[in-house]
């Protein structure tokens, strides 16, 4: 799996993997053969550095994140990954975030429509992602507590 921006120089080295040879030719002259059970997955946000020859050898799947991953889904997925010592607070966190996101995203969309944003690339996903990172920093202590409790339990169980 290759994830990130596609650079022209390294992606052109993939052409030998994508054709009938099924071998990855490395810059140092070494070759790595693909086995029948292997596949290559590239995930990127742009194909601007890819030649038509490379694109023609790939199956493309376009996923618009506004349609595939809504901000509410992002936050709900985050809540599911929190440590169990926060279970009692999950419902309150979800209710507060739902209340906050509705108003915050309305203001954001209004300002975006008026072209009042400093960074035009910012979207709802960016806002939710950064909110989750900020919330995660506040919940760091709960993760430490959960990990320490699990370590203590495993030490008690192994003695």
Protein backbone atom coordinates (compact mmCIF):
# COMPACT_ATOMS: atom_id res chain seq x y z
CA UNK A 1 0.00 0.00 0.00
CA UNK A 2 1.37 3.38 -1.01
CA UNK A 3 -0.33 6.37 0.58
CA UNK A 4 0.45 10.01 -0.08
CA UNK A 5 1.30 12.38 -2.88
CA UNK A 6 2.51 10.71 -6.05
CA UNK A 7 5.92 11.83 -7.22
CA UNK A 8 6.60 11.54 -10.96
CA UNK A 9 10.00 9.89 -10.52
CA UNK A 10 9.03 7.03 -8.26
CA UNK A 11 5.63 6.37 -9.81
CA UNK A 12 7.25 5.82 -13.23
CA UNK A 13 9.25 2.99 -11.61
CA UNK A 14 5.91 1.29 -10.96
CA UNK A 15 5.19 0.83 -14.67
CA UNK A 16 7.17 -2.43 -14.71
CA UNK A 17 4.97 -3.75 -11.88
CA UNK A 18 1.83 -2.68 -13.67
CA UNK A 19 2.71 -4.32 -16.99
CA UNK A 20 3.09 -8.04 -17.78
CA UNK A 21 6.53 -8.27 -16.11
CA UNK A 22 5.04 -7.84 -12.62
CA UNK A 23 8.45 -6.80 -11.31
CA UNK A 24 9.32 -3.72 -9.34
CA UNK A 25 12.58 -2.31 -10.67
CA UNK A 26 14.36 -0.37 -7.94
CA UNK A 27 16.70 2.55 -8.69
CA UNK A 28 19.69 0.50 -7.43
CA UNK A 29 19.06 -2.08 -10.20
CA UNK A 30 17.43 -4.67 -7.94
CA UNK A 31 14.08 -6.23 -8.97
CA UNK A 32 11.28 -7.49 -6.75
CA UNK A 33 8.84 -9.90 -8.39
CA UNK A 34 5.16 -9.74 -7.51
CA UNK A 35 3.57 -13.06 -6.61
CA UNK A 36 0.07 -13.99 -7.85
CA UNK A 37 -1.46 -13.18 -4.44
CA UNK A 38 0.00 -9.67 -4.28
CA UNK A 39 -1.66 -6.45 -5.30
CA UNK A 40 -0.62 -2.83 -5.31
CA UNK A 41 -2.84 -0.14 -3.82
CA UNK A 42 -2.08 3.54 -4.28
CA UNK A 43 -4.06 6.12 -2.33
CA UNK A 44 -3.58 9.75 -3.22
CA UNK A 45 -5.44 13.01 -3.40
CA UNK A 46 -4.26 13.89 -6.90
CA UNK A 47 -3.12 12.28 -10.16
CA UNK A 48 -1.49 15.43 -11.48
CA UNK A 49 2.04 13.88 -11.57
CA UNK A 50 0.99 10.64 -13.24
CA UNK A 51 1.39 9.98 -16.94
CA UNK A 52 -1.46 8.58 -19.05
CA UNK A 53 0.60 5.38 -19.49
CA UNK A 54 0.53 4.74 -15.73
CA UNK A 55 -3.13 5.64 -15.38
CA UNK A 56 -4.10 3.29 -18.21
CA UNK A 57 -2.53 0.38 -16.29
CA UNK A 58 -4.50 1.03 -13.10
CA UNK A 59 -8.05 0.54 -11.98
CA UNK A 60 -9.21 3.83 -10.49
CA UNK A 61 -11.70 4.38 -7.73
CA UNK A 62 -12.67 7.96 -6.95
CA UNK A 63 -14.13 8.56 -3.53
CA UNK A 64 -15.42 12.02 -2.76
CA UNK A 65 -14.94 12.45 0.97
CA UNK A 66 -18.01 14.69 1.25
CA UNK A 67 -20.10 11.75 0.09
CA UNK A 68 -18.19 8.89 1.72
CA UNK A 69 -17.20 10.25 5.10
CA UNK A 70 -19.43 12.81 6.71
CA UNK A 71 -18.17 14.80 9.71
CA UNK A 72 -20.68 13.13 12.05
CA UNK A 73 -19.42 9.70 10.96
CA UNK A 74 -15.83 10.78 11.60
CA UNK A 75 -16.68 11.84 15.13
CA UNK A 76 -18.75 8.73 15.88
CA UNK A 77 -15.85 6.54 14.71
CA UNK A 78 -13.53 8.46 17.02
CA UNK A 79 -15.88 7.91 19.96
CA UNK A 80 -15.87 4.15 19.33
CA UNK A 81 -12.07 4.09 19.65
CA UNK A 82 -11.89 5.79 23.04
CA UNK A 83 -10.74 3.75 26.05
CA UNK A 84 -13.38 1.95 28.11
CA UNK A 85 -12.76 4.15 31.17
CA UNK A 86 -14.59 6.91 29.26
CA UNK A 87 -17.73 4.84 28.58
CA UNK A 88 -19.78 6.76 31.15
CA UNK A 89 -18.97 10.05 29.41
CA UNK A 90 -19.46 8.98 25.79
CA UNK A 91 -23.12 9.95 25.53
CA UNK A 92 -22.49 13.39 27.01
CA UNK A 93 -19.51 13.91 24.70
CA UNK A 94 -21.62 12.94 21.70
CA UNK A 95 -24.49 15.24 22.69
CA UNK A 96 -22.18 18.21 23.30
CA UNK A 97 -20.30 17.64 20.04
CA UNK A 98 -23.56 17.34 18.08
CA UNK A 99 -24.70 20.65 19.53
CA UNK A 100 -21.34 22.31 18.89
CA UNK A 101 -20.86 20.96 15.36
CA UNK A 102 -24.25 22.10 14.09
CA UNK A 103 -23.62 25.73 15.01
CA UNK A 104 -19.91 25.72 14.19
CA UNK A 105 -20.40 24.17 10.76
CA UNK A 106 -23.23 26.59 9.95
CA UNK A 107 -20.94 29.53 10.73
CA UNK A 108 -18.09 27.91 8.76
CA UNK A 109 -20.26 27.25 5.69
CA UNK A 110 -21.65 30.79 5.84
CA UNK A 111 -18.14 32.28 5.98
CA UNK A 112 -16.91 29.96 3.22
CA UNK A 113 -19.80 31.00 0.96
CA UNK A 114 -18.82 34.66 1.53
CA UNK A 115 -15.14 33.86 0.76
CA UNK A 116 -14.09 35.00 4.23
CA UNK A 117 -11.76 32.07 4.95
CA UNK A 118 -8.02 32.61 5.20
CA UNK A 119 -7.39 29.15 3.71
CA UNK A 120 -9.74 28.08 0.93
CA UNK A 121 -8.65 24.44 1.25
CA UNK A 122 -10.25 24.17 4.68
CA UNK A 123 -13.44 22.11 4.71
CA UNK A 124 -15.74 20.50 7.25
CA UNK A 125 -13.53 17.41 7.43
CA UNK A 126 -10.52 19.52 8.36
CA UNK A 127 -12.51 21.20 11.14
CA UNK A 128 -13.76 17.89 12.57
CA UNK A 129 -10.33 16.26 12.27
CA UNK A 130 -8.68 19.12 14.16
CA UNK A 131 -11.45 19.13 16.77
CA UNK A 132 -10.81 15.40 17.30
CA UNK A 133 -7.06 15.98 17.65
CA UNK A 134 -7.68 18.75 20.19
CA UNK A 135 -10.17 16.63 22.13
CA UNK A 136 -7.74 13.72 22.05
CA UNK A 137 -5.08 15.89 23.68
CA UNK A 138 -7.51 16.65 26.52
CA UNK A 139 -8.32 12.96 26.92
CA UNK A 140 -4.68 11.87 26.96
CA UNK A 141 -4.78 11.26 30.71
CA UNK A 142 -7.62 8.76 30.30
CA UNK A 143 -5.51 6.80 27.80
CA UNK A 144 -2.57 6.78 30.23
CA UNK A 145 -4.86 5.61 33.05
CA UNK A 146 -6.31 2.86 30.85
CA UNK A 147 -2.86 1.67 29.74
CA UNK A 148 -1.47 1.73 33.27
CA UNK A 149 -4.45 -0.22 34.61
CA UNK A 150 -4.03 -2.85 31.89
CA UNK A 151 -0.32 -3.12 32.64
CA UNK A 152 -1.02 -3.59 36.35
CA UNK A 153 -3.66 -6.22 35.63
CA UNK A 154 -1.34 -8.13 33.30
CA UNK A 155 1.48 -8.04 35.88
CA UNK A 156 -0.88 -9.28 38.62
CA UNK A 157 -2.18 -12.03 36.37
CA UNK A 158 1.27 -13.21 35.33
CA UNK A 159 2.64 -13.56 38.90
